[in-house]
Structures are given as C-alpha cells and as structure tokens.
Amino acid sequence: MVYIEPATRLRTDYNRIADLARKTGNAVYITRNGTPEVVVMDFKAFQQRELVLKLANVVLEGELQRMRGTAALSIEEMEAMLKENA
C-alpha cells in the first residue's frame, strides 16, 4: 500500500507518520505542493531493502560473468563477496 502525506503533516504529526512506517514496513512518501519530495521509512525495512539490492547485484554480476564466459567464482570467493556486501 502507498502512503502519501504532505510535508506540513510531517512537521505537525511526525510520531504518527513514523509509527505508520514502522508498523507497516512500507515507505511513507512526503510531498510538497503535491510533488513527492522525500520518503520516510522504517530503518529495519530500509536495511533489508539495501541487503536485497546488494544481493541482487551479486547475482547479476555472476549472471553477466556467465554470459561473457569469464571465469566463475569459487564457493569461497562467493561467500567472501556475500559477507563483504552484507
């Protein structure tokens, strides 16, 4: 679900907006004059999203290497890369 709030409400009702982001795990889009400007997001949900993006990049890099026919990573190298990106 998409949550949208005007910037003025962020100033006057921060706790409710932060609670909404925290409880739902969804981002709350803050608008100024009807235009999206910033996003409020629960920190744990943000960390999880960042981890998913990093892991997706690792998988994509592996797929690109496979398509190019370049040397594949060993299991040890893959584990090291995953730990580095975690």
PDB file of N, CA and C in Angstrom:
ATOM      1  N   MET A   1       0.842  -1.179   0.000  1.00  0.00           N
ATOM      2  CA  MET A   1       0.000   0.000   0.000  1.00  0.00           C
ATOM      3  C   MET A   1       0.889   1.244   0.000  1.00  0.00           C
ATOM      4  N   VAL A   2       0.463   2.263  -0.692  1.00  0.00           N
ATOM      5  CA  VAL A   2       1.212   3.511  -0.782  1.00  0.00           C
ATOM      6  C   VAL A   2       0.634   4.510   0.219  1.00  0.00           C
ATOM      7  N   TYR A   3       1.513   5.092   1.009  1.00  0.00           N
ATOM      8  CA  TYR A   3       1.110   6.115   1.975  1.00  0.00           C
ATOM      9  C   TYR A   3       1.722   7.438   1.551  1.00  0.00           C
ATOM     10  N   ILE A   4       0.887   8.459   1.423  1.00  0.00           N
ATOM     11  CA  ILE A   4       1.343   9.781   0.994  1.00  0.00           C
ATOM     12  C   ILE A   4       0.869  10.803   2.013  1.00  0.00           C
ATOM     13  N   GLU A   5       1.785  11.653   2.429  1.00  0.00           N
ATOM     14  CA  GLU A   5       1.464  12.703   3.406  1.00  0.00           C
ATOM     15  C   GLU A   5       2.095  14.015   2.946  1.00  0.00           C
ATOM     16  N   PRO A   6       1.427  15.138   3.192  1.00  0.00           N
ATOM     17  CA  PRO A   6       2.036  16.432   2.864  1.00  0.00           C
ATOM     18  C   PRO A   6       3.134  16.779   3.866  1.00  0.00           C
ATOM     19  N   ALA A   7       4.089  17.570   3.428  1.00  0.00           N
ATOM     20  CA  ALA A   7       5.220  17.962   4.278  1.00  0.00           C
ATOM     21  C   ALA A   7       4.752  18.659   5.550  1.00  0.00           C
ATOM     22  N   THR A   8       3.688  19.420   5.472  1.00  0.00           N
ATOM     23  CA  THR A   8       3.203  20.111   6.674  1.00  0.00           C
ATOM     24  C   THR A   8       2.780  19.116   7.745  1.00  0.00           C
ATOM     25  N   ARG A   9       2.239  17.988   7.346  1.00  0.00           N
ATOM     26  CA  ARG A   9       1.825  16.978   8.315  1.00  0.00           C
ATOM     27  C   ARG A   9       3.039  16.312   8.960  1.00  0.00           C
ATOM     28  N   LEU A  10       4.137  16.214   8.237  1.00  0.00           N
ATOM     29  CA  LEU A  10       5.360  15.654   8.821  1.00  0.00           C
ATOM     30  C   LEU A  10       5.809  16.516   9.993  1.00  0.00           C
ATOM     31  N   ARG A  11       5.696  17.828   9.832  1.00  0.00           N
ATOM     32  CA  ARG A  11       6.093  18.743  10.908  1.00  0.00           C
ATOM     33  C   ARG A  11       5.166  18.648  12.114  1.00  0.00           C
ATOM     34  N   THR A  12       3.887  18.473  11.851  1.00  0.00           N
ATOM     35  CA  THR A  12       2.916  18.510  12.947  1.00  0.00           C
ATOM     36  C   THR A  12       2.576  17.141  13.522  1.00  0.00           C
ATOM     37  N   ASP A  13       2.846  16.083  12.764  1.00  0.00           N
ATOM     38  CA  ASP A  13       2.414  14.749  13.193  1.00  0.00           C
ATOM     39  C   ASP A  13       3.480  13.692  12.897  1.00  0.00           C
ATOM     40  N   TYR A  14       4.726  14.032  13.215  1.00  0.00           N
ATOM     41  CA  TYR A  14       5.846  13.131  12.926  1.00  0.00           C
ATOM     42  C   TYR A  14       5.653  11.748  13.547  1.00  0.00           C
ATOM     43  N   ASN A  15       5.243  11.691  14.816  1.00  0.00           N
ATOM     44  CA  ASN A  15       5.122  10.404  15.507  1.00  0.00           C
ATOM     45  C   ASN A  15       4.153   9.458  14.806  1.00  0.00           C
ATOM     46  N   ARG A  16       3.029   9.985  14.341  1.00  0.00           N
ATOM     47  CA  ARG A  16       2.065   9.134  13.640  1.00  0.00           C
ATOM     48  C   ARG A  16       2.643   8.613  12.330  1.00  0.00           C
ATOM     49  N   ILE A  17       3.354   9.471  11.604  1.00  0.00           N
ATOM     50  CA  ILE A  17       3.948   9.061  10.331  1.00  0.00           C
ATOM     51  C   ILE A  17       5.050   8.032  10.565  1.00  0.00           C
ATOM     52  N   ALA A  18       5.890   8.266  11.564  1.00  0.00           N
ATOM     53  CA  ALA A  18       6.953   7.307  11.884  1.00  0.00           C
ATOM     54  C   ALA A  18       6.354   5.971  12.316  1.00  0.00           C
ATOM     55  N   ASP A  19       5.305   6.009  13.126  1.00  0.00           N
ATOM     56  CA  ASP A  19       4.633   4.775  13.550  1.00  0.00           C
ATOM     57  C   ASP A  19       4.038   4.030  12.359  1.00  0.00           C
ATOM     58  N   LEU A  20       3.450   4.761  11.433  1.00  0.00           N
ATOM     59  CA  LEU A  20       2.873   4.157  10.239  1.00  0.00           C
ATOM     60  C   LEU A  20       3.953   3.422   9.439  1.00  0.00           C
ATOM     61  N   ALA A  21       5.094   4.069   9.247  1.00  0.00           N
ATOM     62  CA  ALA A  21       6.198   3.443   8.518  1.00  0.00           C
ATOM     63  C   ALA A  21       6.710   2.220   9.273  1.00  0.00           C
ATOM     64  N   ARG A  22       6.842   2.350  10.570  1.00  0.00           N
ATOM     65  CA  ARG A  22       7.375   1.261  11.396  1.00  0.00           C
ATOM     66  C   ARG A  22       6.428   0.062  11.421  1.00  0.00           C
ATOM     67  N   LYS A  23       5.145   0.319  11.631  1.00  0.00           N
ATOM     68  CA  LYS A  23       4.165  -0.770  11.772  1.00  0.00           C
ATOM     69  C   LYS A  23       3.883  -1.493  10.461  1.00  0.00           C
ATOM     70  N   THR A  24       3.862  -0.754   9.362  1.00  0.00           N
ATOM     71  CA  THR A  24       3.527  -1.366   8.071  1.00  0.00           C
ATOM     72  C   THR A  24       4.750  -1.889   7.336  1.00  0.00           C
ATOM     73  N   GLY A  25       5.925  -1.322   7.630  1.00  0.00           N
ATOM     74  CA  GLY A  25       7.122  -1.688   6.877  1.00  0.00           C
ATOM     75  C   GLY A  25       7.159  -1.040   5.507  1.00  0.00           C
ATOM     76  N   ASN A  26       6.167  -0.201   5.224  1.00  0.00           N
ATOM     77  CA  ASN A  26       6.104   0.492   3.934  1.00  0.00           C
ATOM     78  C   ASN A  26       6.667   1.898   4.050  1.00  0.00           C
ATOM     79  N   ALA A  27       7.069   2.419   2.922  1.00  0.00           N
ATOM     80  CA  ALA A  27       7.555   3.789   2.871  1.00  0.00           C
ATOM     81  C   ALA A  27       6.371   4.752   2.920  1.00  0.00           C
ATOM     82  N   VAL A  28       6.603   5.912   3.508  1.00  0.00           N
ATOM     83  CA  VAL A  28       5.613   6.990   3.510  1.00  0.00           C
ATOM     84  C   VAL A  28       6.209   8.112   2.670  1.00  0.00           C
ATOM     85  N   TYR A  29       5.530   8.457   1.588  1.00  0.00           N
ATOM     86  CA  TYR A  29       6.018   9.489   0.679  1.00  0.00           C
ATOM     87  C   TYR A  29       5.551  10.848   1.175  1.00  0.00           C
ATOM     88  N   ILE A  30       6.486  11.760   1.318  1.00  0.00           N
ATOM     89  CA  ILE A  30       6.180  13.111   1.779  1.00  0.00           C
ATOM     90  C   ILE A  30       6.200  14.029   0.561  1.00  0.00           C
ATOM     91  N   THR A  31       5.119  14.790   0.413  1.00  0.00           N
ATOM     92  CA  THR A  31       5.009  15.671  -0.747  1.00  0.00           C
ATOM     93  C   THR A  31       5.074  17.135  -0.335  1.00  0.00           C
ATOM     94  N   ARG A  32       5.512  17.938  -1.266  1.00  0.00           N
ATOM     95  CA  ARG A  32       5.473  19.389  -1.110  1.00  0.00           C
ATOM     96  C   ARG A  32       4.763  19.928  -2.341  1.00  0.00           C
ATOM     97  N   ASN A  33       3.671  20.626  -2.111  1.00  0.00           N
ATOM     98  CA  ASN A  33       2.836  21.142  -3.202  1.00  0.00           C
ATOM     99  C   ASN A  33       2.408  20.019  -4.151  1.00  0.00           C
ATOM    100  N   GLY A  34       2.133  18.844  -3.583  1.00  0.00           N
ATOM    101  CA  GLY A  34       1.655  17.718  -4.377  1.00  0.00           C
ATOM    102  C   GLY A  34       2.722  16.933  -5.106  1.00  0.00           C
ATOM    103  N   THR A  35       3.978  17.343  -4.976  1.00  0.00           N
ATOM    104  CA  THR A  35       5.076  16.664  -5.655  1.00  0.00           C
ATOM    105  C   THR A  35       5.888  15.857  -4.644  1.00  0.00           C
ATOM    106  N   PRO A  36       6.129  14.566  -4.907  1.00  0.00           N
ATOM    107  CA  PRO A  36       6.927  13.770  -3.976  1.00  0.00           C
ATOM    108  C   PRO A  36       8.303  14.390  -3.759  1.00  0.00           C
ATOM    109  N   GLU A  37       8.712  14.469  -2.495  1.00  0.00           N
ATOM    110  CA  GLU A  37       9.985  15.107  -2.179  1.00  0.00           C
ATOM    111  C   GLU A  37      10.927  14.198  -1.394  1.00  0.00           C
ATOM    112  N   VAL A  38      10.431  13.539  -0.351  1.00  0.00           N
ATOM    113  CA  VAL A  38      11.263  12.642   0.453  1.00  0.00           C
ATOM    114  C   VAL A  38      10.429  11.423   0.855  1.00  0.00           C
ATOM    115  N   VAL A  39      11.133  10.427   1.383  1.00  0.00           N
ATOM    116  CA  VAL A  39      10.484   9.199   1.827  1.00  0.00           C
ATOM    117  C   VAL A  39      10.867   8.939   3.276  1.00  0.00           C
ATOM    118  N   VAL A  40       9.887   8.588   4.100  1.00  0.00           N
ATOM    119  CA  VAL A  40      10.133   8.167   5.480  1.00  0.00           C
ATOM    120  C   VAL A  40       9.944   6.658   5.496  1.00  0.00           C
ATOM    121  N   MET A  41      10.942   5.961   6.047  1.00  0.00           N
ATOM    122  CA  MET A  41      10.900   4.508   6.030  1.00  0.00           C
ATOM    123  C   MET A  41      11.446   3.953   7.329  1.00  0.00           C
ATOM    124  N   ASP A  42      10.870   2.852   7.808  1.00  0.00           N
ATOM    125  CA  ASP A  42      11.387   2.174   8.982  1.00  0.00           C
ATOM    126  C   ASP A  42      12.831   1.753   8.714  1.00  0.00           C
ATOM    127  N   PHE A  43      13.709   1.941   9.697  1.00  0.00           N
ATOM    128  CA  PHE A  43      15.126   1.670   9.485  1.00  0.00           C
ATOM    129  C   PHE A  43      15.392   0.201   9.191  1.00  0.00           C
ATOM    130  N   LYS A  44      14.713  -0.706   9.883  1.00  0.00           N
ATOM    131  CA  LYS A  44      14.921  -2.137   9.621  1.00  0.00           C
ATOM    132  C   LYS A  44      14.467  -2.505   8.214  1.00  0.00           C
ATOM    133  N   ALA A  45      13.350  -1.943   7.777  1.00  0.00           N
ATOM    134  CA  ALA A  45      12.869  -2.197   6.419  1.00  0.00           C
ATOM    135  C   ALA A  45      13.855  -1.634   5.399  1.00  0.00           C
ATOM    136  N   PHE A  46      14.441  -0.470   5.702  1.00  0.00           N
ATOM    137  CA  PHE A  46      15.440   0.128   4.819  1.00  0.00           C
ATOM    138  C   PHE A  46      16.669  -0.770   4.723  1.00  0.00           C
ATOM    139  N   GLN A  47      17.155  -1.271   5.870  1.00  0.00           N
ATOM    140  CA  GLN A  47      18.322  -2.154   5.865  1.00  0.00           C
ATOM    141  C   GLN A  47      18.040  -3.415   5.057  1.00  0.00           C
ATOM    142  N   GLN A  48      16.858  -3.976   5.222  1.00  0.00           N
ATOM    143  CA  GLN A  48      16.500  -5.181   4.486  1.00  0.00           C
ATOM    144  C   GLN A  48      16.458  -4.899   2.985  1.00  0.00           C
ATOM    145  N   ARG A  49      15.901  -3.766   2.610  1.00  0.00           N
ATOM    146  CA  ARG A  49      15.843  -3.400   1.191  1.00  0.00           C
ATOM    147  C   ARG A  49      17.246  -3.224   0.614  1.00  0.00           C
ATOM    148  N   GLU A  50      18.123  -2.581   1.371  1.00  0.00           N
ATOM    149  CA  GLU A  50      19.507  -2.401   0.922  1.00  0.00           C
ATOM    150  C   GLU A  50      20.202  -3.747   0.734  1.00  0.00           C
ATOM    151  N   LEU A  51      19.988  -4.684   1.660  1.00  0.00           N
ATOM    152  CA  LEU A  51      20.598  -6.005   1.559  1.00  0.00           C
ATOM    153  C   LEU A  51      20.094  -6.737   0.324  1.00  0.00           C
ATOM    154  N   VAL A  52      18.804  -6.676   0.070  1.00  0.00           N
ATOM    155  CA  VAL A  52      18.238  -7.322  -1.112  1.00  0.00           C
ATOM    156  C   VAL A  52      18.852  -6.740  -2.380  1.00  0.00           C
ATOM    157  N   LEU A  53      19.015  -5.430  -2.434  1.00  0.00           N
ATOM    158  CA  LEU A  53      19.622  -4.802  -3.613  1.00  0.00           C
ATOM    159  C   LEU A  53      21.067  -5.239  -3.799  1.00  0.00           C
ATOM    160  N   LYS A  54      21.822  -5.311  -2.703  1.00  0.00           N
ATOM    161  CA  LYS A  54      23.213  -5.754  -2.793  1.00  0.00           C
ATOM    162  C   LYS A  54      23.299  -7.191  -3.275  1.00  0.00           C
ATOM    163  N   LEU A  55      22.457  -8.060  -2.728  1.00  0.00           N
ATOM    164  CA  LEU A  55      22.471  -9.458  -3.146  1.00  0.00           C
ATOM    165  C   LEU A  55      22.044  -9.602  -4.599  1.00  0.00           C
ATOM    166  N   ALA A  56      21.080  -8.808  -5.026  1.00  0.00           N
ATOM    167  CA  ALA A  56      20.655  -8.843  -6.424  1.00  0.00           C
ATOM    168  C   ALA A  56      21.800  -8.430  -7.341  1.00  0.00           C
ATOM    169  N   ASN A  57      22.602  -7.456  -6.911  1.00  0.00           N
ATOM    170  CA  ASN A  57      23.757  -7.043  -7.707  1.00  0.00           C
ATOM    171  C   ASN A  57      24.793  -8.145  -7.801  1.00  0.00           C
ATOM    172  N   VAL A  58      24.992  -8.895  -6.718  1.00  0.00           N
ATOM    173  CA  VAL A  58      25.937 -10.017  -6.739  1.00  0.00           C
ATOM    174  C   VAL A  58      25.452 -11.076  -7.725  1.00  0.00           C
ATOM    175  N   VAL A  59      24.167 -11.396  -7.677  1.00  0.00           N
ATOM    176  CA  VAL A  59      23.602 -12.384  -8.591  1.00  0.00           C
ATOM    177  C   VAL A  59      23.713 -11.894 -10.029  1.00  0.00           C
ATOM    178  N   LEU A  60      23.406 -10.633 -10.267  1.00  0.00           N
ATOM    179  CA  LEU A  60      23.503 -10.065 -11.609  1.00  0.00           C
ATOM    180  C   LEU A  60      24.932 -10.129 -12.129  1.00  0.00           C
ATOM    181  N   GLU A  61      25.892  -9.790 -11.291  1.00  0.00           N
ATOM    182  CA  GLU A  61      27.296  -9.846 -11.713  1.00  0.00           C
ATOM    183  C   GLU A  61      27.682 -11.271 -12.094  1.00  0.00           C
ATOM    184  N   GLY A  62      27.239 -12.239 -11.312  1.00  0.00           N
ATOM    185  CA  GLY A  62      27.513 -13.641 -11.643  1.00  0.00           C
ATOM    186  C   GLY A  62      26.890 -14.044 -12.964  1.00  0.00           C
ATOM    187  N   GLU A  63      25.669 -13.605 -13.203  1.00  0.00           N
ATOM    188  CA  GLU A  63      24.997 -13.921 -14.461  1.00  0.00           C
ATOM    189  C   GLU A  63      25.706 -13.259 -15.638  1.00  0.00           C
ATOM    190  N   LEU A  64      26.156 -12.027 -15.467  1.00  0.00           N
ATOM    191  CA  LEU A  64      26.899 -11.350 -16.541  1.00  0.00           C
ATOM    192  C   LEU A  64      28.203 -12.070 -16.838  1.00  0.00           C
ATOM    193  N   GLN A  65      28.891 -12.509 -15.793  1.00  0.00           N
ATOM    194  CA  GLN A  65      30.131 -13.263 -15.994  1.00  0.00           C
ATOM    195  C   GLN A  65      29.848 -14.568 -16.734  1.00  0.00           C
ATOM    196  N   ARG A  66      28.770 -15.236 -16.370  1.00  0.00           N
ATOM    197  CA  ARG A  66      28.415 -16.487 -17.044  1.00  0.00           C
ATOM    198  C   ARG A  66      28.132 -16.241 -18.521  1.00  0.00           C
ATOM    199  N   MET A  67      27.406 -15.169 -18.817  1.00  0.00           N
ATOM    200  CA  MET A  67      27.068 -14.863 -20.204  1.00  0.00           C
ATOM    201  C   MET A  67      28.301 -14.481 -21.014  1.00  0.00           C
ATOM    202  N   ARG A  68      29.264 -13.813 -20.363  1.00  0.00           N
ATOM    203  CA  ARG A  68      30.503 -13.428 -21.055  1.00  0.00           C
ATOM    204  C   ARG A  68      31.475 -14.590 -21.178  1.00  0.00           C
ATOM    205  N   GLY A  69      31.223 -15.639 -20.415  1.00  0.00           N
ATOM    206  CA  GLY A  69      32.129 -16.781 -20.438  1.00  0.00           C
ATOM    207  C   GLY A  69      33.389 -16.554 -19.631  1.00  0.00           C
ATOM    208  N   THR A  70      33.380 -15.572 -18.753  1.00  0.00           N
ATOM    209  CA  THR A  70      34.555 -15.325 -17.915  1.00  0.00           C
ATOM    210  C   THR A  70      34.559 -16.303 -16.757  1.00  0.00           C
ATOM    211  N   ALA A  71      35.690 -16.370 -16.091  1.00  0.00           N
ATOM    212  CA  ALA A  71      35.863 -17.337 -15.006  1.00  0.00           C
ATOM    213  C   ALA A  71      34.794 -17.147 -13.935  1.00  0.00           C
ATOM    214  N   ALA A  72      34.253 -18.257 -13.492  1.00  0.00           N
ATOM    215  CA  ALA A  72      33.253 -18.218 -12.425  1.00  0.00           C
ATOM    216  C   ALA A  72      33.953 -18.109 -11.077  1.00  0.00           C
ATOM    217  N   LEU A  73      33.220 -17.634 -10.096  1.00  0.00           N
ATOM    218  CA  LEU A  73      33.760 -17.535  -8.744  1.00  0.00           C
ATOM    219  C   LEU A  73      33.705 -18.892  -8.061  1.00  0.00           C
ATOM    220  N   SER A  74      34.687 -19.137  -7.227  1.00  0.00           N
ATOM    221  CA  SER A  74      34.640 -20.333  -6.392  1.00  0.00           C
ATOM    222  C   SER A  74      33.633 -20.089  -5.271  1.00  0.00           C
ATOM    223  N   ILE A  75      33.266 -21.142  -4.580  1.00  0.00           N
ATOM    224  CA  ILE A  75      32.338 -21.003  -3.455  1.00  0.00           C
ATOM    225  C   ILE A  75      32.929 -20.075  -2.404  1.00  0.00           C
ATOM    226  N   GLU A  76      34.226 -20.213  -2.145  1.00  0.00           N
ATOM    227  CA  GLU A  76      34.884 -19.369  -1.148  1.00  0.00           C
ATOM    228  C   GLU A  76      34.835 -17.895  -1.559  1.00  0.00           C
ATOM    229  N   GLU A  77      35.078 -17.633  -2.851  1.00  0.00           N
ATOM    230  CA  GLU A  77      35.028 -16.252  -3.338  1.00  0.00           C
ATOM    231  C   GLU A  77      33.605 -15.689  -3.240  1.00  0.00           C
ATOM    232  N   MET A  78      32.616 -16.514  -3.547  1.00  0.00           N
ATOM    233  CA  MET A  78      31.224 -16.073  -3.462  1.00  0.00           C
ATOM    234  C   MET A  78      30.847 -15.784  -2.013  1.00  0.00           C
ATOM    235  N   GLU A  79      31.247 -16.645  -1.083  1.00  0.00           N
ATOM    236  CA  GLU A  79      30.961 -16.406   0.332  1.00  0.00           C
ATOM    237  C   GLU A  79      31.604 -15.109   0.803  1.00  0.00           C
ATOM    238  N   ALA A  80      32.858 -14.875   0.383  1.00  0.00           N
ATOM    239  CA  ALA A  80      33.553 -13.643   0.768  1.00  0.00           C
ATOM    240  C   ALA A  80      32.829 -12.426   0.209  1.00  0.00           C
ATOM    241  N   MET A  81      32.367 -12.510  -1.030  1.00  0.00           N
ATOM    242  CA  MET A  81      31.662 -11.392  -1.652  1.00  0.00           C
ATOM    243  C   MET A  81      30.346 -11.125  -0.929  1.00  0.00           C
ATOM    244  N   LEU A  82      29.626 -12.187  -0.575  1.00  0.00           N
ATOM    245  CA  LEU A  82      28.361 -12.011   0.135  1.00  0.00           C
ATOM    246  C   LEU A  82      28.583 -11.379   1.505  1.00  0.00           C
ATOM    247  N   LYS A  83      29.623 -11.808   2.221  1.00  0.00           N
ATOM    248  CA  LYS A  83      29.927 -11.229   3.529  1.00  0.00           C
ATOM    249  C   LYS A  83      30.313  -9.764   3.390  1.00  0.00           C
ATOM    250  N   GLU A  84      31.075  -9.454   2.348  1.00  0.00           N
ATOM    251  CA  GLU A  84      31.518  -8.076   2.109  1.00  0.00           C
ATOM    252  C   GLU A  84      30.334  -7.158   1.829  1.00  0.00           C
ATOM    253  N   ASN A  85      29.330  -7.680   1.138  1.00  0.00           N
ATOM    254  CA  ASN A  85      28.173  -6.874   0.752  1.00  0.00           C
ATOM    255  C   ASN A  85      27.045  -6.902   1.768  1.00  0.00           C
ATOM    256  N   ALA A  86      27.197  -7.669   2.815  1.00  0.00           N
ATOM    257  CA  ALA A  86      26.118  -7.766   3.820  1.00  0.00           C
ATOM    258  C   ALA A  86      26.131  -6.589   4.763  1.00  0.00           C
TER     259      ALA A  86
END
